[in-house]
Structures are given as structure tokens and as C-alpha cells.
Amino acid sequence: MPFAVACSDPCDGRSQGTTGMFDSLPFRNDAALVMRRLIRSLPTRHGVMGIGTCDKGLPAILLALAGSTSLPPSPYRAG
């Protein structure tokens, strides 16, 4: 059964010039932790696909996937 999760990210355009700018980089780590927890919460998963749409969300997804060592290997992996 497919399952989708989302983790929104702060907008640099709106936070520019405010103290919210200081949350941009820490957000990547927070989002990665949330995504890893969501991945672990699906014990019957057969795989995970992450879709990043900005310069904060994409690194968060990559960190989450890299930290999910229990995922099956990708058949599309180089090598």
C-alpha cells in the first residue's frame, strides 16, 4: 500500500532580513530526522522515493535516505 509523507520547508524569500533566516540551515537536519522517523514507521515498506523541490528540501531528503541503512539496495545504482 503506498504511503506519502510531506515535510514543508521555510521560504527564504519571506524570511530574508528577519531572524527566520537563521532557521534555514537547521531546518535541513530537522527535516531529515522527521523523514527518517517516517521511513522507520513503515515496517512493511519495499522502498522509498524522495522528491526534493528546493535547496533545503533536497539535502534533507538525501540525508534521510543516506541515514536509512535498512532500505533495500536500488537496482539503478551505478556499479
N, C-alpha and C. Protein backbone atom coordinates (compact mmCIF):
# COMPACT_ATOMS: atom_id res chain seq x y z
N MET A 1 0.84 -1.17 0.00
CA MET A 1 0.00 0.00 0.00
C MET A 1 0.90 1.25 0.00
N PRO A 2 0.73 2.14 -0.96
CA PRO A 2 1.54 3.36 -0.99
C PRO A 2 1.24 4.27 0.20
N PHE A 3 2.23 4.98 0.61
CA PHE A 3 2.09 5.92 1.71
C PHE A 3 2.92 7.15 1.39
N ALA A 4 2.33 8.33 1.51
CA ALA A 4 3.04 9.57 1.19
C ALA A 4 3.18 10.42 2.45
N VAL A 5 4.31 11.06 2.57
CA VAL A 5 4.53 12.00 3.67
C VAL A 5 5.09 13.29 3.09
N ALA A 6 4.94 14.35 3.82
CA ALA A 6 5.46 15.64 3.36
C ALA A 6 6.09 16.37 4.53
N CYS A 7 7.08 17.15 4.22
CA CYS A 7 7.74 17.98 5.22
C CYS A 7 7.99 19.33 4.56
N SER A 8 7.23 20.32 4.94
CA SER A 8 7.35 21.63 4.33
C SER A 8 8.66 22.29 4.73
N ASP A 9 9.07 23.29 3.99
CA ASP A 9 10.30 23.99 4.32
C ASP A 9 10.08 25.50 4.33
N PRO A 10 10.92 26.20 5.09
CA PRO A 10 10.75 27.66 5.18
C PRO A 10 11.12 28.34 3.88
N CYS A 11 10.47 29.43 3.59
CA CYS A 11 10.72 30.18 2.36
C CYS A 11 11.77 31.25 2.63
N ASP A 12 12.89 31.18 1.93
CA ASP A 12 13.94 32.18 2.10
C ASP A 12 13.44 33.58 1.73
N GLY A 13 12.61 33.68 0.72
CA GLY A 13 12.11 34.98 0.28
C GLY A 13 11.31 35.69 1.36
N ARG A 14 10.58 34.93 2.14
CA ARG A 14 9.77 35.54 3.20
C ARG A 14 10.57 35.80 4.46
N SER A 15 11.59 35.00 4.70
CA SER A 15 12.34 35.16 5.94
C SER A 15 13.56 36.06 5.78
N GLN A 16 13.86 36.48 4.56
CA GLN A 16 15.03 37.32 4.30
C GLN A 16 14.96 38.60 5.14
N GLY A 17 16.03 38.89 5.86
CA GLY A 17 16.09 40.10 6.67
C GLY A 17 15.45 39.97 8.04
N THR A 18 14.98 38.75 8.38
CA THR A 18 14.38 38.51 9.69
C THR A 18 15.18 37.44 10.42
N THR A 19 14.85 37.22 11.68
CA THR A 19 15.54 36.17 12.43
C THR A 19 15.20 34.77 11.90
N GLY A 20 14.15 34.67 11.10
CA GLY A 20 13.79 33.39 10.49
C GLY A 20 14.87 32.85 9.55
N MET A 21 15.75 33.75 9.07
CA MET A 21 16.84 33.31 8.20
C MET A 21 17.75 32.31 8.92
N PHE A 22 17.84 32.43 10.23
CA PHE A 22 18.73 31.56 10.99
C PHE A 22 18.18 30.14 11.13
N ASP A 23 16.94 29.93 10.72
CA ASP A 23 16.33 28.60 10.79
C ASP A 23 16.50 27.80 9.51
N SER A 24 17.02 28.43 8.47
CA SER A 24 17.11 27.77 7.17
C SER A 24 18.01 26.54 7.19
N LEU A 25 19.24 26.68 7.65
CA LEU A 25 20.15 25.53 7.67
C LEU A 25 19.76 24.49 8.72
N PRO A 26 19.40 24.89 9.96
CA PRO A 26 18.96 23.87 10.92
C PRO A 26 17.74 23.09 10.44
N PHE A 27 16.93 23.71 9.59
CA PHE A 27 15.76 23.02 9.07
C PHE A 27 16.14 21.74 8.35
N ARG A 28 17.25 21.77 7.61
CA ARG A 28 17.66 20.57 6.86
C ARG A 28 17.83 19.38 7.78
N ASN A 29 18.47 19.60 8.92
CA ASN A 29 18.67 18.49 9.86
C ASN A 29 17.35 18.06 10.48
N ASP A 30 16.51 19.02 10.85
CA ASP A 30 15.21 18.68 11.44
C ASP A 30 14.36 17.88 10.46
N ALA A 31 14.32 18.31 9.21
CA ALA A 31 13.52 17.61 8.20
C ALA A 31 14.07 16.21 7.95
N ALA A 32 15.39 16.07 7.93
CA ALA A 32 15.99 14.75 7.73
C ALA A 32 15.62 13.81 8.87
N LEU A 33 15.63 14.31 10.10
CA LEU A 33 15.24 13.47 11.24
C LEU A 33 13.78 13.05 11.13
N VAL A 34 12.91 13.98 10.78
CA VAL A 34 11.49 13.65 10.65
C VAL A 34 11.29 12.62 9.55
N MET A 35 11.96 12.81 8.43
CA MET A 35 11.79 11.87 7.32
C MET A 35 12.32 10.48 7.67
N ARG A 36 13.45 10.41 8.37
CA ARG A 36 13.97 9.10 8.80
C ARG A 36 12.98 8.42 9.73
N ARG A 37 12.39 9.18 10.63
CA ARG A 37 11.40 8.58 11.55
C ARG A 37 10.18 8.10 10.79
N LEU A 38 9.75 8.85 9.79
CA LEU A 38 8.61 8.41 8.99
C LEU A 38 8.95 7.14 8.20
N ILE A 39 10.16 7.07 7.68
CA ILE A 39 10.58 5.86 6.95
C ILE A 39 10.58 4.66 7.88
N ARG A 40 11.12 4.83 9.09
CA ARG A 40 11.15 3.72 10.06
C ARG A 40 9.76 3.31 10.51
N SER A 41 8.79 4.24 10.42
CA SER A 41 7.44 3.93 10.89
C SER A 41 6.66 3.07 9.90
N LEU A 42 7.26 2.75 8.78
CA LEU A 42 6.62 1.92 7.76
C LEU A 42 7.35 0.59 7.64
N PRO A 43 7.13 -0.33 8.58
CA PRO A 43 7.92 -1.57 8.60
C PRO A 43 7.69 -2.48 7.40
N THR A 44 6.59 -2.32 6.68
CA THR A 44 6.33 -3.20 5.53
C THR A 44 6.74 -2.55 4.21
N ARG A 45 7.51 -1.49 4.28
CA ARG A 45 7.91 -0.78 3.05
C ARG A 45 8.82 -1.66 2.18
N HIS A 46 8.75 -1.44 0.91
CA HIS A 46 9.64 -2.12 -0.03
C HIS A 46 10.63 -1.15 -0.64
N GLY A 47 10.42 0.12 -0.44
CA GLY A 47 11.31 1.15 -0.97
C GLY A 47 10.79 2.52 -0.60
N VAL A 48 11.62 3.50 -0.82
CA VAL A 48 11.26 4.88 -0.52
C VAL A 48 11.73 5.75 -1.68
N MET A 49 10.89 6.69 -2.07
CA MET A 49 11.26 7.64 -3.10
C MET A 49 11.13 9.04 -2.51
N GLY A 50 12.20 9.81 -2.59
CA GLY A 50 12.18 11.17 -2.08
C GLY A 50 12.17 12.16 -3.23
N ILE A 51 11.36 13.19 -3.12
CA ILE A 51 11.29 14.23 -4.14
C ILE A 51 11.56 15.56 -3.48
N GLY A 52 12.67 16.18 -3.86
CA GLY A 52 13.03 17.48 -3.30
C GLY A 52 12.78 18.58 -4.31
N THR A 53 12.25 19.71 -3.85
CA THR A 53 11.90 20.78 -4.78
C THR A 53 12.62 22.09 -4.49
N CYS A 54 13.54 22.10 -3.54
CA CYS A 54 14.25 23.35 -3.25
C CYS A 54 15.62 23.04 -2.66
N ASP A 55 16.37 24.09 -2.41
CA ASP A 55 17.74 23.93 -1.92
C ASP A 55 17.81 23.52 -0.46
N LYS A 56 16.69 23.43 0.23
CA LYS A 56 16.67 22.94 1.61
C LYS A 56 16.05 21.55 1.68
N GLY A 57 15.00 21.33 0.94
CA GLY A 57 14.33 20.05 0.96
C GLY A 57 15.14 18.92 0.36
N LEU A 58 15.84 19.19 -0.74
CA LEU A 58 16.62 18.14 -1.39
C LEU A 58 17.74 17.61 -0.49
N PRO A 59 18.56 18.47 0.13
CA PRO A 59 19.58 17.93 1.04
C PRO A 59 18.96 17.17 2.22
N ALA A 60 17.80 17.62 2.70
CA ALA A 60 17.14 16.92 3.80
C ALA A 60 16.75 15.51 3.37
N ILE A 61 16.21 15.38 2.17
CA ILE A 61 15.83 14.05 1.66
C ILE A 61 17.06 13.17 1.50
N LEU A 62 18.13 13.73 0.95
CA LEU A 62 19.35 12.94 0.76
C LEU A 62 19.92 12.48 2.09
N LEU A 63 19.90 13.36 3.10
CA LEU A 63 20.36 12.98 4.44
C LEU A 63 19.49 11.86 5.02
N ALA A 64 18.18 11.99 4.83
CA ALA A 64 17.27 10.97 5.36
C ALA A 64 17.49 9.62 4.69
N LEU A 65 17.62 9.63 3.37
CA LEU A 65 17.84 8.36 2.66
C LEU A 65 19.20 7.76 2.99
N ALA A 66 20.21 8.61 3.11
CA ALA A 66 21.54 8.10 3.47
C ALA A 66 21.56 7.51 4.87
N GLY A 67 20.73 8.04 5.75
CA GLY A 67 20.67 7.54 7.12
C GLY A 67 19.75 6.36 7.30
N SER A 68 19.07 5.95 6.25
CA SER A 68 18.15 4.82 6.32
C SER A 68 18.85 3.59 5.76
N THR A 69 19.72 3.02 6.55
CA THR A 69 20.53 1.90 6.08
C THR A 69 19.76 0.60 5.93
N SER A 70 18.55 0.54 6.44
CA SER A 70 17.79 -0.70 6.34
C SER A 70 16.98 -0.78 5.04
N LEU A 71 17.11 0.21 4.17
CA LEU A 71 16.39 0.17 2.91
C LEU A 71 17.04 -0.83 1.97
N PRO A 72 16.26 -1.46 1.10
CA PRO A 72 16.86 -2.39 0.13
C PRO A 72 17.71 -1.62 -0.87
N PRO A 73 18.74 -2.26 -1.44
CA PRO A 73 19.57 -1.57 -2.43
C PRO A 73 18.79 -1.26 -3.69
N SER A 74 19.14 -0.17 -4.34
CA SER A 74 18.46 0.24 -5.56
C SER A 74 18.97 -0.59 -6.74
N PRO A 75 18.07 -1.03 -7.61
CA PRO A 75 18.52 -1.75 -8.81
C PRO A 75 19.15 -0.78 -9.82
N TYR A 76 18.99 0.53 -9.59
CA TYR A 76 19.51 1.53 -10.51
C TYR A 76 20.83 2.10 -10.07
N ARG A 77 21.40 1.54 -9.05
CA ARG A 77 22.68 2.01 -8.51
C ARG A 77 23.81 1.74 -9.51
N ALA A 78 24.69 2.70 -9.65
CA ALA A 78 25.83 2.52 -10.57
C ALA A 78 26.81 1.52 -10.00
N GLY A 79 27.44 0.76 -10.86
CA GLY A 79 28.48 -0.13 -10.39
C GLY A 79 28.27 -1.54 -10.60
